[in-house]
Amino acid sequence: MKNTKVSAVKAKKEFTELLGRVATGSETFTIFRRGKPVAVLSPTPPREGLQSVKGWLNSDDPFFRVINQVIKGRKREKVRRLRLPAS
């Protein structure tokens, strides 16, 4: 498991992202304030965290590549208005 050092300021700004990376069980973070370690953000034991959920996707799963392509494709499309028949 990868342990990454991060400043308290950066951890505050990017907490949601860090939490997501920890939830997959692949990474921990040591949080530093003024150059000294003050906390560790780490996953819960297996069977308690999201990594234990059947069907949980790893961050490198091909699904994410495909869904990002779909999202980019939708941004290129023009909005079409639906015309409803007069009542």
PDB file of N, CA and C in Angstrom:
ATOM      1  N   MET A   1       0.856  -1.172   0.000  1.00  0.00           N
ATOM      2  CA  MET A   1       0.000   0.000   0.000  1.00  0.00           C
ATOM      3  C   MET A   1       0.903   1.237   0.000  1.00  0.00           C
ATOM      4  N   LYS A   2       0.551   2.183  -0.819  1.00  0.00           N
ATOM      5  CA  LYS A   2       1.336   3.407  -0.976  1.00  0.00           C
ATOM      6  C   LYS A   2       1.002   4.396   0.141  1.00  0.00           C
ATOM      7  N   ASN A   3       2.037   4.987   0.758  1.00  0.00           N
ATOM      8  CA  ASN A   3       1.840   6.020   1.772  1.00  0.00           C
ATOM      9  C   ASN A   3       2.368   7.339   1.212  1.00  0.00           C
ATOM     10  N   THR A   4       1.491   8.327   1.116  1.00  0.00           N
ATOM     11  CA  THR A   4       1.836   9.623   0.538  1.00  0.00           C
ATOM     12  C   THR A   4       1.848  10.690   1.620  1.00  0.00           C
ATOM     13  N   LYS A   5       2.859  11.561   1.589  1.00  0.00           N
ATOM     14  CA  LYS A   5       2.930  12.688   2.521  1.00  0.00           C
ATOM     15  C   LYS A   5       2.157  13.860   1.921  1.00  0.00           C
ATOM     16  N   VAL A   6       1.377  14.539   2.749  1.00  0.00           N
ATOM     17  CA  VAL A   6       0.577  15.664   2.272  1.00  0.00           C
ATOM     18  C   VAL A   6       0.499  16.718   3.375  1.00  0.00           C
ATOM     19  N   SER A   7       0.534  17.977   2.968  1.00  0.00           N
ATOM     20  CA  SER A   7       0.428  19.062   3.953  1.00  0.00           C
ATOM     21  C   SER A   7      -1.011  19.168   4.453  1.00  0.00           C
ATOM     22  N   ALA A   8      -1.168  19.736   5.632  1.00  0.00           N
ATOM     23  CA  ALA A   8      -2.503  19.912   6.202  1.00  0.00           C
ATOM     24  C   ALA A   8      -3.358  20.816   5.311  1.00  0.00           C
ATOM     25  N   VAL A   9      -2.743  21.826   4.717  1.00  0.00           N
ATOM     26  CA  VAL A   9      -3.476  22.745   3.834  1.00  0.00           C
ATOM     27  C   VAL A   9      -4.008  21.996   2.613  1.00  0.00           C
ATOM     28  N   LYS A  10      -3.138  21.188   1.981  1.00  0.00           N
ATOM     29  CA  LYS A  10      -3.561  20.433   0.809  1.00  0.00           C
ATOM     30  C   LYS A  10      -4.607  19.383   1.184  1.00  0.00           C
ATOM     31  N   ALA A  11      -4.434  18.734   2.337  1.00  0.00           N
ATOM     32  CA  ALA A  11      -5.410  17.731   2.784  1.00  0.00           C
ATOM     33  C   ALA A  11      -6.775  18.364   2.986  1.00  0.00           C
ATOM     34  N   LYS A  12      -6.799  19.590   3.507  1.00  0.00           N
ATOM     35  CA  LYS A  12      -8.067  20.288   3.714  1.00  0.00           C
ATOM     36  C   LYS A  12      -8.739  20.607   2.378  1.00  0.00           C
ATOM     37  N   LYS A  13      -7.947  21.089   1.412  1.00  0.00           N
ATOM     38  CA  LYS A  13      -8.494  21.469   0.106  1.00  0.00           C
ATOM     39  C   LYS A  13      -8.975  20.266  -0.689  1.00  0.00           C
ATOM     40  N   GLU A  14      -8.274  19.137  -0.559  1.00  0.00           N
ATOM     41  CA  GLU A  14      -8.553  17.973  -1.397  1.00  0.00           C
ATOM     42  C   GLU A  14      -9.071  16.783  -0.590  1.00  0.00           C
ATOM     43  N   PHE A  15      -9.728  17.057   0.534  1.00  0.00           N
ATOM     44  CA  PHE A  15     -10.143  15.988   1.431  1.00  0.00           C
ATOM     45  C   PHE A  15     -11.010  14.929   0.753  1.00  0.00           C
ATOM     46  N   THR A  16     -11.986  15.354  -0.027  1.00  0.00           N
ATOM     47  CA  THR A  16     -12.878  14.407  -0.678  1.00  0.00           C
ATOM     48  C   THR A  16     -12.113  13.474  -1.611  1.00  0.00           C
ATOM     49  N   GLU A  17     -11.188  14.020  -2.372  1.00  0.00           N
ATOM     50  CA  GLU A  17     -10.381  13.200  -3.274  1.00  0.00           C
ATOM     51  C   GLU A  17      -9.516  12.217  -2.484  1.00  0.00           C
ATOM     52  N   LEU A  18      -8.851  12.710  -1.430  1.00  0.00           N
ATOM     53  CA  LEU A  18      -8.014  11.843  -0.609  1.00  0.00           C
ATOM     54  C   LEU A  18      -8.844  10.723   0.015  1.00  0.00           C
ATOM     55  N   LEU A  19     -10.012  11.059   0.496  1.00  0.00           N
ATOM     56  CA  LEU A  19     -10.894  10.081   1.116  1.00  0.00           C
ATOM     57  C   LEU A  19     -11.298   8.997   0.117  1.00  0.00           C
ATOM     58  N   GLY A  20     -11.565   9.400  -1.110  1.00  0.00           N
ATOM     59  CA  GLY A  20     -11.904   8.428  -2.149  1.00  0.00           C
ATOM     60  C   GLY A  20     -10.755   7.479  -2.438  1.00  0.00           C
ATOM     61  N   ARG A  21      -9.548   8.007  -2.475  1.00  0.00           N
ATOM     62  CA  ARG A  21      -8.374   7.172  -2.740  1.00  0.00           C
ATOM     63  C   ARG A  21      -8.111   6.219  -1.582  1.00  0.00           C
ATOM     64  N   VAL A  22      -8.380   6.665  -0.361  1.00  0.00           N
ATOM     65  CA  VAL A  22      -8.206   5.812   0.808  1.00  0.00           C
ATOM     66  C   VAL A  22      -9.291   4.735   0.838  1.00  0.00           C
ATOM     67  N   ALA A  23     -10.506   5.095   0.447  1.00  0.00           N
ATOM     68  CA  ALA A  23     -11.634   4.170   0.512  1.00  0.00           C
ATOM     69  C   ALA A  23     -11.429   2.929  -0.348  1.00  0.00           C
ATOM     70  N   THR A  24     -10.671   3.059  -1.423  1.00  0.00           N
ATOM     71  CA  THR A  24     -10.417   1.890  -2.275  1.00  0.00           C
ATOM     72  C   THR A  24      -9.417   0.946  -1.645  1.00  0.00           C
ATOM     73  N   GLY A  25      -8.763   1.387  -0.571  1.00  0.00           N
ATOM     74  CA  GLY A  25      -7.816   0.536   0.130  1.00  0.00           C
ATOM     75  C   GLY A  25      -6.444   0.497  -0.493  1.00  0.00           C
ATOM     76  N   SER A  26      -6.164   1.386  -1.428  1.00  0.00           N
ATOM     77  CA  SER A  26      -4.894   1.331  -2.138  1.00  0.00           C
ATOM     78  C   SER A  26      -3.875   2.363  -1.665  1.00  0.00           C
ATOM     79  N   GLU A  27      -4.277   3.280  -0.787  1.00  0.00           N
ATOM     80  CA  GLU A  27      -3.374   4.361  -0.428  1.00  0.00           C
ATOM     81  C   GLU A  27      -3.662   4.876   0.980  1.00  0.00           C
ATOM     82  N   THR A  28      -2.616   5.313   1.669  1.00  0.00           N
ATOM     83  CA  THR A  28      -2.756   6.013   2.942  1.00  0.00           C
ATOM     84  C   THR A  28      -2.043   7.358   2.822  1.00  0.00           C
ATOM     85  N   PHE A  29      -2.396   8.287   3.695  1.00  0.00           N
ATOM     86  CA  PHE A  29      -1.794   9.615   3.669  1.00  0.00           C
ATOM     87  C   PHE A  29      -1.316   9.983   5.068  1.00  0.00           C
ATOM     88  N   THR A  30      -0.099  10.474   5.154  1.00  0.00           N
ATOM     89  CA  THR A  30       0.405  11.053   6.388  1.00  0.00           C
ATOM     90  C   THR A  30       0.303  12.559   6.224  1.00  0.00           C
ATOM     91  N   ILE A  31      -0.419  13.190   7.134  1.00  0.00           N
ATOM     92  CA  ILE A  31      -0.680  14.630   7.038  1.00  0.00           C
ATOM     93  C   ILE A  31       0.314  15.372   7.924  1.00  0.00           C
ATOM     94  N   PHE A  32       0.969  16.367   7.328  1.00  0.00           N
ATOM     95  CA  PHE A  32       1.997  17.141   8.016  1.00  0.00           C
ATOM     96  C   PHE A  32       1.530  18.563   8.255  1.00  0.00           C
ATOM     97  N   ARG A  33       1.920  19.108   9.406  1.00  0.00           N
ATOM     98  CA  ARG A  33       1.685  20.521   9.712  1.00  0.00           C
ATOM     99  C   ARG A  33       3.027  21.094  10.171  1.00  0.00           C
ATOM    100  N   ARG A  34       3.479  22.126   9.463  1.00  0.00           N
ATOM    101  CA  ARG A  34       4.777  22.751   9.751  1.00  0.00           C
ATOM    102  C   ARG A  34       5.907  21.728   9.748  1.00  0.00           C
ATOM    103  N   GLY A  35       5.818  20.787   8.803  1.00  0.00           N
ATOM    104  CA  GLY A  35       6.879  19.806   8.630  1.00  0.00           C
ATOM    105  C   GLY A  35       6.850  18.622   9.570  1.00  0.00           C
ATOM    106  N   LYS A  36       5.858  18.571  10.467  1.00  0.00           N
ATOM    107  CA  LYS A  36       5.775  17.461  11.416  1.00  0.00           C
ATOM    108  C   LYS A  36       4.507  16.653  11.175  1.00  0.00           C
ATOM    109  N   PRO A  37       4.602  15.316  11.225  1.00  0.00           N
ATOM    110  CA  PRO A  37       3.409  14.491  11.022  1.00  0.00           C
ATOM    111  C   PRO A  37       2.422  14.659  12.173  1.00  0.00           C
ATOM    112  N   VAL A  38       1.150  14.875  11.824  1.00  0.00           N
ATOM    113  CA  VAL A  38       0.122  15.073  12.853  1.00  0.00           C
ATOM    114  C   VAL A  38      -1.017  14.058  12.766  1.00  0.00           C
ATOM    115  N   ALA A  39      -1.161  13.406  11.604  1.00  0.00           N
ATOM    116  CA  ALA A  39      -2.259  12.452  11.449  1.00  0.00           C
ATOM    117  C   ALA A  39      -1.981  11.510  10.287  1.00  0.00           C
ATOM    118  N   VAL A  40      -2.683  10.388  10.317  1.00  0.00           N
ATOM    119  CA  VAL A  40      -2.618   9.431   9.220  1.00  0.00           C
ATOM    120  C   VAL A  40      -4.045   9.148   8.777  1.00  0.00           C
ATOM    121  N   LEU A  41      -4.279   9.261   7.483  1.00  0.00           N
ATOM    122  CA  LEU A  41      -5.575   8.941   6.897  1.00  0.00           C
ATOM    123  C   LEU A  41      -5.405   7.586   6.230  1.00  0.00           C
ATOM    124  N   SER A  42      -6.064   6.566   6.769  1.00  0.00           N
ATOM    125  CA  SER A  42      -5.875   5.211   6.251  1.00  0.00           C
ATOM    126  C   SER A  42      -7.216   4.489   6.141  1.00  0.00           C
ATOM    127  N   PRO A  43      -7.271   3.438   5.317  1.00  0.00           N
ATOM    128  CA  PRO A  43      -8.538   2.716   5.146  1.00  0.00           C
ATOM    129  C   PRO A  43      -8.920   1.942   6.394  1.00  0.00           C
ATOM    130  N   THR A  44     -10.197   1.682   6.525  1.00  0.00           N
ATOM    131  CA  THR A  44     -10.682   0.839   7.611  1.00  0.00           C
ATOM    132  C   THR A  44     -10.260  -0.600   7.320  1.00  0.00           C
ATOM    133  N   PRO A  45     -10.309  -1.451   8.322  1.00  0.00           N
ATOM    134  CA  PRO A  45      -9.979  -2.856   8.047  1.00  0.00           C
ATOM    135  C   PRO A  45     -10.934  -3.447   7.008  1.00  0.00           C
ATOM    136  N   PRO A  46     -10.489  -4.454   6.260  1.00  0.00           N
ATOM    137  CA  PRO A  46     -11.391  -5.092   5.289  1.00  0.00           C
ATOM    138  C   PRO A  46     -12.692  -5.505   5.963  1.00  0.00           C
ATOM    139  N   ARG A  47     -13.727  -5.581   5.187  1.00  0.00           N
ATOM    140  CA  ARG A  47     -15.080  -5.910   5.630  1.00  0.00           C
ATOM    141  C   ARG A  47     -15.791  -4.731   6.285  1.00  0.00           C
ATOM    142  N   GLU A  48     -15.080  -3.633   6.524  1.00  0.00           N
ATOM    143  CA  GLU A  48     -15.724  -2.459   7.096  1.00  0.00           C
ATOM    144  C   GLU A  48     -15.787  -1.316   6.100  1.00  0.00           C
ATOM    145  N   GLY A  49     -14.843  -1.259   5.168  1.00  0.00           N
ATOM    146  CA  GLY A  49     -14.764  -0.142   4.249  1.00  0.00           C
ATOM    147  C   GLY A  49     -15.401  -0.448   2.908  1.00  0.00           C
ATOM    148  N   LEU A  50     -15.376   0.538   2.037  1.00  0.00           N
ATOM    149  CA  LEU A  50     -15.963   0.386   0.709  1.00  0.00           C
ATOM    150  C   LEU A  50     -15.260  -0.675  -0.119  1.00  0.00           C
ATOM    151  N   GLN A  51     -13.945  -0.911   0.166  1.00  0.00           N
ATOM    152  CA  GLN A  51     -13.225  -1.902  -0.621  1.00  0.00           C
ATOM    153  C   GLN A  51     -13.800  -3.301  -0.448  1.00  0.00           C
ATOM    154  N   SER A  52     -14.602  -3.538   0.594  1.00  0.00           N
ATOM    155  CA  SER A  52     -15.176  -4.857   0.813  1.00  0.00           C
ATOM    156  C   SER A  52     -16.490  -5.064   0.053  1.00  0.00           C
ATOM    157  N   VAL A  53     -17.041  -4.002  -0.519  1.00  0.00           N
ATOM    158  CA  VAL A  53     -18.310  -4.098  -1.233  1.00  0.00           C
ATOM    159  C   VAL A  53     -18.114  -4.902  -2.515  1.00  0.00           C
ATOM    160  N   LYS A  54     -18.946  -5.920  -2.708  1.00  0.00           N
ATOM    161  CA  LYS A  54     -18.846  -6.740  -3.902  1.00  0.00           C
ATOM    162  C   LYS A  54     -19.123  -5.876  -5.125  1.00  0.00           C
ATOM    163  N   GLY A  55     -18.228  -5.953  -6.098  1.00  0.00           N
ATOM    164  CA  GLY A  55     -18.401  -5.174  -7.307  1.00  0.00           C
ATOM    165  C   GLY A  55     -17.729  -3.817  -7.259  1.00  0.00           C
ATOM    166  N   TRP A  56     -17.025  -3.497  -6.179  1.00  0.00           N
ATOM    167  CA  TRP A  56     -16.324  -2.212  -6.065  1.00  0.00           C
ATOM    168  C   TRP A  56     -15.269  -2.133  -7.153  1.00  0.00           C
ATOM    169  N   LEU A  57     -15.192  -1.018  -7.848  1.00  0.00           N
ATOM    170  CA  LEU A  57     -14.249  -0.857  -8.952  1.00  0.00           C
ATOM    171  C   LEU A  57     -12.957  -0.208  -8.489  1.00  0.00           C
ATOM    172  N   ASN A  58     -11.838  -0.724  -8.972  1.00  0.00           N
ATOM    173  CA  ASN A  58     -10.556  -0.080  -8.719  1.00  0.00           C
ATOM    174  C   ASN A  58     -10.460   1.163  -9.588  1.00  0.00           C
ATOM    175  N   SER A  59      -9.623   2.114  -9.187  1.00  0.00           N
ATOM    176  CA  SER A  59      -9.522   3.373  -9.918  1.00  0.00           C
ATOM    177  C   SER A  59      -8.996   3.196 -11.340  1.00  0.00           C
ATOM    178  N   ASP A  60      -8.334   2.079 -11.631  1.00  0.00           N
ATOM    179  CA  ASP A  60      -7.822   1.841 -12.983  1.00  0.00           C
ATOM    180  C   ASP A  60      -8.750   0.951 -13.808  1.00  0.00           C
ATOM    181  N   ASP A  61      -9.968   0.723 -13.327  1.00  0.00           N
ATOM    182  CA  ASP A  61     -10.922  -0.114 -14.048  1.00  0.00           C
ATOM    183  C   ASP A  61     -11.273   0.542 -15.393  1.00  0.00           C
ATOM    184  N   PRO A  62     -11.376  -0.239 -16.477  1.00  0.00           N
ATOM    185  CA  PRO A  62     -11.710   0.314 -17.798  1.00  0.00           C
ATOM    186  C   PRO A  62     -13.034   1.069 -17.834  1.00  0.00           C
ATOM    187  N   PHE A  63     -13.936   0.776 -16.901  1.00  0.00           N
ATOM    188  CA  PHE A  63     -15.216   1.477 -16.849  1.00  0.00           C
ATOM    189  C   PHE A  63     -15.020   2.987 -16.809  1.00  0.00           C
ATOM    190  N   PHE A  64     -14.048   3.454 -16.007  1.00  0.00           N
ATOM    191  CA  PHE A  64     -13.841   4.890 -15.849  1.00  0.00           C
ATOM    192  C   PHE A  64     -13.337   5.529 -17.139  1.00  0.00           C
ATOM    193  N   ARG A  65     -12.522   4.816 -17.895  1.00  0.00           N
ATOM    194  CA  ARG A  65     -12.044   5.340 -19.182  1.00  0.00           C
ATOM    195  C   ARG A  65     -13.215   5.488 -20.141  1.00  0.00           C
ATOM    196  N   VAL A  66     -14.064   4.470 -20.185  1.00  0.00           N
ATOM    197  CA  VAL A  66     -15.215   4.495 -21.090  1.00  0.00           C
ATOM    198  C   VAL A  66     -16.202   5.585 -20.691  1.00  0.00           C
ATOM    199  N   ILE A  67     -16.504   5.691 -19.411  1.00  0.00           N
ATOM    200  CA  ILE A  67     -17.484   6.694 -18.984  1.00  0.00           C
ATOM    201  C   ILE A  67     -16.964   8.108 -19.232  1.00  0.00           C
ATOM    202  N   ASN A  68     -15.656   8.326 -19.090  1.00  0.00           N
ATOM    203  CA  ASN A  68     -15.085   9.643 -19.398  1.00  0.00           C
ATOM    204  C   ASN A  68     -15.206   9.964 -20.879  1.00  0.00           C
ATOM    205  N   GLN A  69     -15.062   8.967 -21.744  1.00  0.00           N
ATOM    206  CA  GLN A  69     -15.246   9.183 -23.183  1.00  0.00           C
ATOM    207  C   GLN A  69     -16.693   9.547 -23.485  1.00  0.00           C
ATOM    208  N   VAL A  70     -17.626   8.890 -22.819  1.00  0.00           N
ATOM    209  CA  VAL A  70     -19.048   9.192 -23.014  1.00  0.00           C
ATOM    210  C   VAL A  70     -19.344  10.635 -22.589  1.00  0.00           C
ATOM    211  N   ILE A  71     -18.799  11.037 -21.454  1.00  0.00           N
ATOM    212  CA  ILE A  71     -19.027  12.397 -20.957  1.00  0.00           C
ATOM    213  C   ILE A  71     -18.455  13.429 -21.921  1.00  0.00           C
ATOM    214  N   LYS A  72     -17.243  13.183 -22.425  1.00  0.00           N
ATOM    215  CA  LYS A  72     -16.640  14.110 -23.387  1.00  0.00           C
ATOM    216  C   LYS A  72     -17.472  14.183 -24.658  1.00  0.00           C
ATOM    217  N   GLY A  73     -17.983  13.058 -25.111  1.00  0.00           N
ATOM    218  CA  GLY A  73     -18.818  13.022 -26.312  1.00  0.00           C
ATOM    219  C   GLY A  73     -20.103  13.797 -26.140  1.00  0.00           C
ATOM    220  N   ARG A  74     -20.698  13.728 -24.958  1.00  0.00           N
ATOM    221  CA  ARG A  74     -21.946  14.451 -24.709  1.00  0.00           C
ATOM    222  C   ARG A  74     -21.730  15.958 -24.713  1.00  0.00           C
ATOM    223  N   LYS A  75     -20.550  16.394 -24.311  1.00  0.00           N
ATOM    224  CA  LYS A  75     -20.271  17.833 -24.305  1.00  0.00           C
ATOM    225  C   LYS A  75     -20.218  18.389 -25.722  1.00  0.00           C
ATOM    226  N   ARG A  76     -19.878  17.543 -26.689  1.00  0.00           N
ATOM    227  CA  ARG A  76     -19.781  18.006 -28.085  1.00  0.00           C
ATOM    228  C   ARG A  76     -21.142  18.073 -28.764  1.00  0.00           C
ATOM    229  N   GLU A  77     -22.113  17.363 -28.235  1.00  0.00           N
ATOM    230  CA  GLU A  77     -23.430  17.342 -28.863  1.00  0.00           C
ATOM    231  C   GLU A  77     -24.189  18.631 -28.579  1.00  0.00           C
ATOM    232  N   LYS A  78     -25.060  18.979 -29.524  1.00  0.00           N
ATOM    233  CA  LYS A  78     -25.909  20.150 -29.327  1.00  0.00           C
ATOM    234  C   LYS A  78     -27.183  19.709 -28.625  1.00  0.00           C
ATOM    235  N   VAL A  79     -27.711  20.595 -27.812  1.00  0.00           N
ATOM    236  CA  VAL A  79     -28.948  20.311 -27.101  1.00  0.00           C
ATOM    237  C   VAL A  79     -30.091  20.341 -28.102  1.00  0.00           C
ATOM    238  N   ARG A  80     -30.903  19.312 -28.065  1.00  0.00           N
ATOM    239  CA  ARG A  80     -32.070  19.255 -28.949  1.00  0.00           C
ATOM    240  C   ARG A  80     -33.321  19.510 -28.122  1.00  0.00           C
ATOM    241  N   ARG A  81     -34.171  20.380 -28.619  1.00  0.00           N
ATOM    242  CA  ARG A  81     -35.401  20.678 -27.894  1.00  0.00           C
ATOM    243  C   ARG A  81     -36.506  19.743 -28.361  1.00  0.00           C
ATOM    244  N   LEU A  82     -37.259  19.290 -27.411  1.00  0.00           N
ATOM    245  CA  LEU A  82     -38.380  18.408 -27.697  1.00  0.00           C
ATOM    246  C   LEU A  82     -39.619  19.251 -27.938  1.00  0.00           C
ATOM    247  N   ARG A  83     -40.249  19.036 -29.082  1.00  0.00           N
ATOM    248  CA  ARG A  83     -41.478  19.774 -29.375  1.00  0.00           C
ATOM    249  C   ARG A  83     -42.675  18.893 -29.062  1.00  0.00           C
ATOM    250  N   LEU A  84     -43.489  19.348 -28.150  1.00  0.00           N
ATOM    251  CA  LEU A  84     -44.668  18.601 -27.749  1.00  0.00           C
ATOM    252  C   LEU A  84     -45.868  19.064 -28.576  1.00  0.00           C
ATOM    253  N   PRO A  85     -46.748  18.142 -28.905  1.00  0.00           N
ATOM    254  CA  PRO A  85     -47.946  18.540 -29.660  1.00  0.00           C
ATOM    255  C   PRO A  85     -48.819  19.484 -28.831  1.00  0.00           C
ATOM    256  N   ALA A  86     -49.466  20.404 -29.513  1.00  0.00           N
ATOM    257  CA  ALA A  86     -50.349  21.360 -28.814  1.00  0.00           C
ATOM    258  C   ALA A  86     -51.521  20.613 -28.208  1.00  0.00           C
ATOM    259  N   SER A  87     -51.914  21.031 -27.014  1.00  0.00           N
ATOM    260  CA  SER A  87     -53.025  20.365 -26.317  1.00  0.00           C
ATOM    261  C   SER A  87     -54.355  20.900 -26.752  1.00  0.00           C
TER     262      SER A  87
END
